[in-house]
Protein backbone atom coordinates (compact mmCIF):
# COMPACT_ATOMS: atom_id res chain seq x y z
CA MET A 1 166.77 -116.77 174.31
CA LYS A 2 169.74 -115.96 172.82
CA GLU A 3 171.66 -118.42 171.88
CA GLN A 4 174.64 -119.62 174.40
CA ILE A 5 177.26 -117.20 175.10
CA THR A 6 180.79 -118.55 175.43
CA ILE A 7 183.02 -116.95 177.47
CA LEU A 8 187.14 -117.58 176.99
CA HIS A 9 188.53 -117.19 180.50
CA ILE A 10 192.70 -116.69 180.18
CA SER A 11 194.67 -116.76 183.80
CA ASP A 12 197.88 -117.00 184.35
CA ARG A 13 197.48 -118.60 187.42
CA ALA A 14 197.59 -122.47 187.98
CA ASP A 15 193.79 -122.88 189.71
CA SER A 16 191.74 -120.60 187.08
CA SER A 17 188.87 -121.81 189.28
CA HIS A 18 186.75 -118.38 189.82
CA SER A 19 183.73 -117.76 192.12
CA GLY A 20 182.75 -115.23 188.85
CA LEU A 21 182.84 -118.06 186.65
CA ALA A 22 180.87 -120.07 188.69
CA LYS A 23 178.24 -117.37 188.30
CA LEU A 24 178.44 -116.85 184.81
CA LYS A 25 178.14 -120.80 184.22
CA GLU A 26 174.96 -120.52 186.29
CA ILE A 27 173.03 -117.95 184.28
CA GLY A 28 173.77 -120.17 180.87
CA CYS A 29 176.90 -119.20 179.71
CA GLY A 30 179.49 -121.64 178.76
CA VAL A 31 182.97 -120.68 179.95
CA VAL A 32 185.90 -122.22 178.70
CA SER A 33 188.97 -121.54 180.69
CA THR A 34 192.86 -121.70 180.22
CA ASN A 35 195.66 -121.05 182.64
CA ASN A 36 198.09 -120.66 179.63
CA PRO A 37 197.90 -117.23 177.86
CA THR A 38 199.05 -118.81 174.56
CA GLU A 39 196.69 -121.86 174.27
CA GLY A 40 194.19 -118.60 174.68
CA VAL A 41 195.47 -116.93 171.57
CA ALA A 42 195.38 -120.42 169.77
CA LEU A 43 191.78 -120.99 171.40
CA LEU A 44 190.38 -117.94 170.39
CA TYR A 45 191.54 -118.70 166.66
CA ILE A 46 190.35 -122.11 166.87
CA MET A 47 186.97 -121.37 168.42
CA HIS A 48 184.55 -119.75 166.65
CA SER A 49 181.27 -119.44 169.36
CA VAL A 50 183.87 -116.97 171.65
CA THR A 51 181.81 -114.78 172.56
CA ALA A 52 183.66 -112.30 174.84
CA VAL A 53 187.29 -113.12 176.68
CA VAL A 54 187.32 -112.33 180.58
CA LEU A 55 191.39 -112.52 181.21
CA ASP A 56 192.17 -112.36 184.86
CA SER A 57 193.08 -109.17 186.49
CA ARG A 58 196.33 -110.81 187.46
CA VAL A 59 196.92 -111.05 183.37
CA LYS A 60 196.81 -107.03 183.22
CA GLU A 61 200.57 -106.21 183.55
CA GLN A 62 202.83 -105.64 180.45
CA ALA A 63 201.99 -109.01 179.47
CA GLY A 64 198.48 -108.75 179.69
CA ILE A 65 198.48 -105.84 177.66
CA ASP A 66 200.46 -107.86 174.97
CA LEU A 67 198.24 -110.82 175.15
CA SER A 68 194.89 -108.48 174.67
CA GLN A 69 196.80 -106.76 171.47
CA SER A 70 197.07 -110.51 170.16
CA LEU A 71 193.40 -111.65 170.63
CA ARG A 72 192.58 -108.13 169.19
CA GLN A 73 194.69 -108.87 166.48
CA ILE A 74 192.89 -112.13 166.07
CA ARG A 75 189.20 -111.16 166.55
CA PRO A 76 188.36 -107.55 166.30
CA ASP A 77 184.99 -108.24 167.12
CA VAL A 78 184.81 -109.75 170.45
CA PRO A 79 184.81 -107.78 173.73
CA ILE A 80 188.00 -108.63 175.63
CA MET A 81 187.56 -107.54 179.58
CA LEU A 82 189.54 -107.65 182.60
CA LEU A 83 187.90 -109.08 185.36
CA CYS A 84 188.78 -107.45 188.72
CA SER A 85 187.56 -107.01 192.05
CA ASP A 86 187.18 -103.42 192.26
CA GLU A 87 186.46 -101.40 188.33
CA ILE A 88 189.40 -99.47 187.11
CA GLU A 89 189.07 -96.00 184.78
CA ASN A 90 192.28 -96.83 183.33
CA ALA A 91 191.72 -100.26 181.79
CA PRO A 92 194.38 -101.00 178.74
CA SER A 93 193.14 -99.49 175.45
CA SER A 94 193.47 -102.82 174.17
CA THR A 95 190.80 -104.38 176.50
CA ASP A 96 187.06 -103.14 176.27
CA GLY A 97 187.07 -102.57 180.18
CA CYS A 98 187.78 -103.71 183.24
CA LEU A 99 184.90 -105.06 185.22
CA SER A 100 183.84 -106.46 188.60
CA THR A 101 182.58 -110.04 188.83
CA ASP A 102 178.89 -108.75 190.04
CA ARG A 103 179.00 -106.08 186.68
CA LEU A 104 180.32 -108.96 184.00
CA THR A 105 178.03 -111.36 185.01
CA SER A 106 174.89 -108.74 185.22
CA ALA A 107 176.04 -107.92 181.83
CA LEU A 108 176.21 -111.35 179.79
CA LYS A 109 172.55 -111.81 181.59
CA HIS A 110 171.28 -109.33 180.07
CA LEU A 111 172.66 -110.61 176.62
CA LEU A 112 171.39 -113.45 177.43
CA THR A 113 167.54 -112.20 177.65
CA GLU A 114 167.48 -108.96 176.01
CA GLU A 115 169.79 -106.85 172.98
CA PRO A 116 173.48 -106.82 173.88
CA VAL A 117 174.74 -104.24 176.24
CA VAL A 118 177.21 -101.43 174.74
CA GLY A 119 179.43 -99.69 176.80
């Protein structure tokens, strides 16, 4: 098994719990959550163990685009994904896509056991 995958989950909801995050924890991912986008930027800056950033789908309006651009400037090597109920093709260019919970979980599970999935 590879090193633990650490996911930084950023939401703009007071309750940042999400069933998809519980699934990620079940497959062995570490999950750090914040409901404060400014704190999310700071966490990414100081946490070198972050493997991927997951933005809650409600953060995908202009504030979410600005947030993803800030995150990309700090760590251009870290994938930034929108977590949404349905995948969309027109995700903001500053993200690596919009993934449904099921697809995100399977992609990260694959990372835990095999070579990374690209695309």
